[in-house]
Amino acid sequence: MKTLLLIDLQNDFMPGGALAVPGGDEVIPVVNALMPQFERVVATQDWHPTDHGSFAANHPGREVYEQIDLNGLPQTLWPVHCVQNTGGALFAPGLDTRRIERVFPKGTDRGIDSYSGFYDNGHRASTGLGAWLRERGVTALTVAGVATDYCVKFTVLDALSEGFEVELLAAGCRGVNLQAGDAEKALEEMATAGARVV
């Protein structure tokens, strides 16, 4: 069963958003054109509480993109983004949400971030995505979305470790690139782990 998994195609990750991914809006027409080729389309959605521990604003004296320890895990501090029930957390305009069968929220626990669509960053809690896919007989995924070097990468790596075949649509992804070349390194890492990058 052909399944398309869309990662975090939300307003705050689009140009002009709170945590804009350069070229993030370019992904929308790519995935819209692809959707009819798939029997199933599912999506992840960053869905943070206001007091989320990944927000620099919640750590007085700390700066955006600074690294801290958050409950025993390394954490990059981000601008406030994708807060539950705000416009920034909504899917980007133009995304054909009618075809999305199920949305899996992530990053809902204030004490831990969740880049992956499958688990939080400590693999302490599941989003339910893996079980939901297996219950429907899904064995292979095509993945697209943002950001290549964070949520896309960690979702793909977890999908592979969960036993799914993964095809990564490079034309349907964009990276943050906090350090030059991060997105390219992420593509290499996913390919090395077993993803087919197309």
Protein backbone atom coordinates (compact mmCIF):
# COMPACT_ATOMS: atom_id res chain seq x y z
CA MET A 1 0.00 0.00 0.00
CA LYS A 2 1.53 3.27 -1.13
CA THR A 3 1.59 5.75 1.75
CA LEU A 4 2.80 9.34 1.70
CA LEU A 5 3.98 10.76 5.04
CA LEU A 6 4.09 14.56 5.18
CA ILE A 7 6.24 16.19 7.86
CA ASP A 8 5.24 19.47 9.55
CA LEU A 9 3.97 21.47 6.57
CA GLN A 10 2.79 24.24 8.88
CA ASN A 11 2.63 28.02 8.71
CA ASP A 12 5.41 28.65 11.22
CA PHE A 13 7.84 26.66 9.04
CA MET A 14 6.94 28.58 5.88
CA PRO A 15 8.62 31.85 4.76
CA GLY A 16 7.52 34.60 7.15
CA GLY A 17 6.78 32.09 9.92
CA ALA A 18 8.26 32.03 13.40
CA LEU A 19 10.77 29.30 12.46
CA ALA A 20 10.86 29.67 8.70
CA VAL A 21 12.55 26.96 6.67
CA PRO A 22 14.03 28.56 3.52
CA GLY A 23 11.97 27.43 0.54
CA GLY A 24 9.50 25.55 2.72
CA ASP A 25 6.60 26.81 0.63
CA GLU A 26 8.16 25.21 -2.46
CA VAL A 27 7.30 21.79 -1.01
CA ILE A 28 3.52 22.40 -1.12
CA PRO A 29 2.94 22.11 -4.91
CA VAL A 30 5.31 19.12 -5.05
CA VAL A 31 3.37 17.11 -2.46
CA ASN A 32 -0.04 18.21 -3.78
CA ALA A 33 0.91 16.85 -7.21
CA LEU A 34 2.05 13.57 -5.65
CA MET A 35 -0.94 12.88 -3.40
CA PRO A 36 -3.18 11.27 -6.06
CA GLN A 37 -0.51 8.60 -6.62
CA PHE A 38 -0.92 7.33 -3.04
CA GLU A 39 -3.65 5.23 -1.48
CA ARG A 40 -3.02 6.82 1.89
CA VAL A 41 -1.70 10.23 3.02
CA VAL A 42 -0.83 10.94 6.65
CA ALA A 43 0.84 13.95 8.24
CA THR A 44 2.70 15.01 11.36
CA GLN A 45 2.01 18.31 13.07
CA ASP A 46 4.24 20.11 15.56
CA TRP A 47 1.78 20.95 18.35
CA HIS A 48 3.54 22.60 21.28
CA PRO A 49 2.12 23.96 24.53
CA THR A 50 3.02 27.61 25.22
CA ASP A 51 5.45 26.60 27.97
CA HIS A 52 7.33 24.04 25.89
CA GLY A 53 10.90 23.43 27.02
CA SER A 54 12.34 23.80 23.52
CA PHE A 55 11.42 27.50 23.40
CA ALA A 56 14.27 29.87 24.20
CA ALA A 57 11.67 32.29 25.60
CA ASN A 58 11.00 29.82 28.41
CA HIS A 59 14.67 29.86 29.53
CA PRO A 60 15.53 33.38 30.79
CA GLY A 61 19.05 34.38 29.80
CA ARG A 62 19.26 31.79 27.02
CA GLU A 63 19.40 32.55 23.31
CA VAL A 64 17.66 31.04 20.31
CA TYR A 65 19.73 28.16 18.81
CA GLU A 66 21.70 27.75 22.05
CA GLN A 67 22.18 24.16 23.23
CA ILE A 68 20.95 23.13 26.68
CA ASP A 69 20.17 19.96 28.59
CA LEU A 70 16.41 19.32 28.80
CA ASN A 71 15.52 16.49 31.16
CA GLY A 72 18.69 14.60 30.33
CA LEU A 73 18.67 15.18 26.57
CA PRO A 74 20.53 17.73 24.44
CA GLN A 75 18.13 20.38 23.21
CA THR A 76 18.46 23.17 20.66
CA LEU A 77 16.48 26.19 21.80
CA TRP A 78 14.06 27.42 19.15
CA PRO A 79 11.92 30.50 18.64
CA VAL A 80 8.35 30.03 19.91
CA HIS A 81 6.61 28.12 17.10
CA CYS A 82 3.66 25.89 16.29
CA VAL A 83 1.85 26.64 19.54
CA GLN A 84 -1.35 24.65 19.92
CA ASN A 85 -4.47 26.32 18.51
CA THR A 86 -2.58 29.22 16.89
CA GLY A 87 -2.36 30.17 13.24
CA GLY A 88 1.31 29.22 13.14
CA ALA A 89 0.46 25.61 13.96
CA LEU A 90 -2.05 25.29 11.13
CA PHE A 91 -1.16 23.57 7.89
CA ALA A 92 0.19 25.88 5.21
CA PRO A 93 -2.27 27.51 2.84
CA GLY A 94 -2.48 25.63 -0.42
CA LEU A 95 -1.74 22.21 1.11
CA ASP A 96 -4.48 19.83 -0.01
CA THR A 97 -5.51 18.71 3.46
CA ARG A 98 -8.63 16.95 2.09
CA ARG A 99 -6.43 14.03 1.15
CA ILE A 100 -4.83 13.69 4.60
CA GLU A 101 -6.41 10.70 6.34
CA ARG A 102 -4.84 11.17 9.75
CA VAL A 103 -2.71 13.80 11.53
CA PHE A 104 -0.25 12.82 14.26
CA PRO A 105 0.58 15.67 16.67
CA LYS A 106 4.03 15.73 18.21
CA GLY A 107 5.94 17.86 20.71
CA THR A 108 2.93 18.01 23.01
CA ASP A 109 4.85 17.22 26.23
CA ARG A 110 6.40 20.42 27.61
CA GLY A 111 9.38 18.53 29.05
CA ILE A 112 10.68 16.87 25.89
CA ASP A 113 10.88 17.74 22.20
CA SER A 114 9.77 15.45 19.41
CA TYR A 115 11.46 15.81 16.05
CA SER A 116 10.35 12.38 14.87
CA GLY A 117 6.81 11.62 13.85
CA PHE A 118 7.12 8.28 15.66
CA TYR A 119 8.59 9.10 19.09
CA ASP A 120 9.74 11.91 21.30
CA ASN A 121 13.48 12.65 21.25
CA GLY A 122 14.18 10.25 24.12
CA HIS A 123 12.07 7.44 22.64
CA ARG A 124 10.13 7.57 25.92
CA ALA A 125 6.69 7.93 24.35
CA SER A 126 5.20 7.02 20.98
CA THR A 127 2.93 9.20 18.87
CA GLY A 128 1.05 6.09 17.76
CA LEU A 129 2.08 6.53 14.13
CA GLY A 130 3.95 3.22 13.81
CA ALA A 131 1.13 1.14 15.29
CA TRP A 132 -1.47 2.94 13.18
CA LEU A 133 0.47 2.23 9.98
CA ARG A 134 1.05 -1.43 10.85
CA GLU A 135 -2.64 -1.93 11.71
CA ARG A 136 -3.42 -0.87 8.13
CA GLY A 137 -0.84 -3.13 6.52
CA VAL A 138 1.54 -0.32 5.55
CA THR A 139 5.10 -1.53 5.02
CA ALA A 140 6.59 1.26 2.90
CA LEU A 141 6.56 5.04 3.18
CA THR A 142 7.39 7.95 0.92
CA VAL A 143 8.41 10.91 3.06
CA ALA A 144 8.42 14.65 2.28
CA GLY A 145 8.30 17.85 4.32
CA VAL A 146 10.36 20.06 6.60
CA ALA A 147 12.93 20.27 7.89
CA THR A 148 15.28 17.83 6.17
CA ASP A 149 17.92 18.11 8.90
CA TYR A 150 15.58 17.77 11.87
CA CYS A 151 12.04 16.39 11.79
CA VAL A 152 12.33 14.71 8.40
CA LYS A 153 15.63 13.05 9.31
CA PHE A 154 14.51 11.76 12.69
CA THR A 155 11.20 10.52 11.29
CA VAL A 156 12.98 8.64 8.51
CA LEU A 157 15.53 7.09 10.88
CA ASP A 158 12.77 5.94 13.23
CA ALA A 159 10.71 4.58 10.33
CA LEU A 160 13.69 2.50 9.22
CA SER A 161 14.33 1.23 12.74
CA GLU A 162 10.63 0.30 12.95
CA GLY A 163 11.06 -1.87 9.86
CA PHE A 164 9.40 0.31 7.22
CA GLU A 165 10.88 0.69 3.76
CA VAL A 166 11.47 4.40 3.20
CA GLU A 167 11.71 6.46 0.06
CA LEU A 168 12.69 10.08 0.71
CA LEU A 169 11.57 12.61 -1.85
CA ALA A 170 14.45 15.09 -1.87
CA ALA A 171 12.55 17.56 -4.10
CA GLY A 172 9.79 17.58 -1.50
CA CYS A 173 12.03 18.51 1.43
CA ARG A 174 13.80 21.66 2.62
CA GLY A 175 16.32 22.11 5.42
CA VAL A 176 16.97 24.63 8.19
CA ASN A 177 20.78 24.47 7.76
CA LEU A 178 21.74 26.06 11.07
CA GLN A 179 25.21 25.01 9.98
CA ALA A 180 26.01 25.13 6.27
CA GLY A 181 25.49 21.72 4.70
CA ASP A 182 23.32 20.25 7.49
CA ALA A 183 20.55 19.24 5.09
CA GLU A 184 22.99 17.56 2.71
CA LYS A 185 24.55 15.65 5.62
CA ALA A 186 21.08 14.59 6.73
CA LEU A 187 20.33 13.18 3.26
CA GLU A 188 23.56 11.20 3.40
CA GLU A 189 22.77 9.93 6.89
CA MET A 190 19.30 8.77 5.85
CA ALA A 191 20.66 7.05 2.76
CA THR A 192 23.36 5.31 4.80
CA ALA A 193 20.68 4.09 7.21
CA GLY A 194 18.78 2.50 4.33
CA ALA A 195 16.43 5.13 2.91
CA ARG A 196 16.14 5.43 -0.84
CA VAL A 197 16.66 9.09 -1.67
CA VAL A 198 14.99 10.07 -4.94
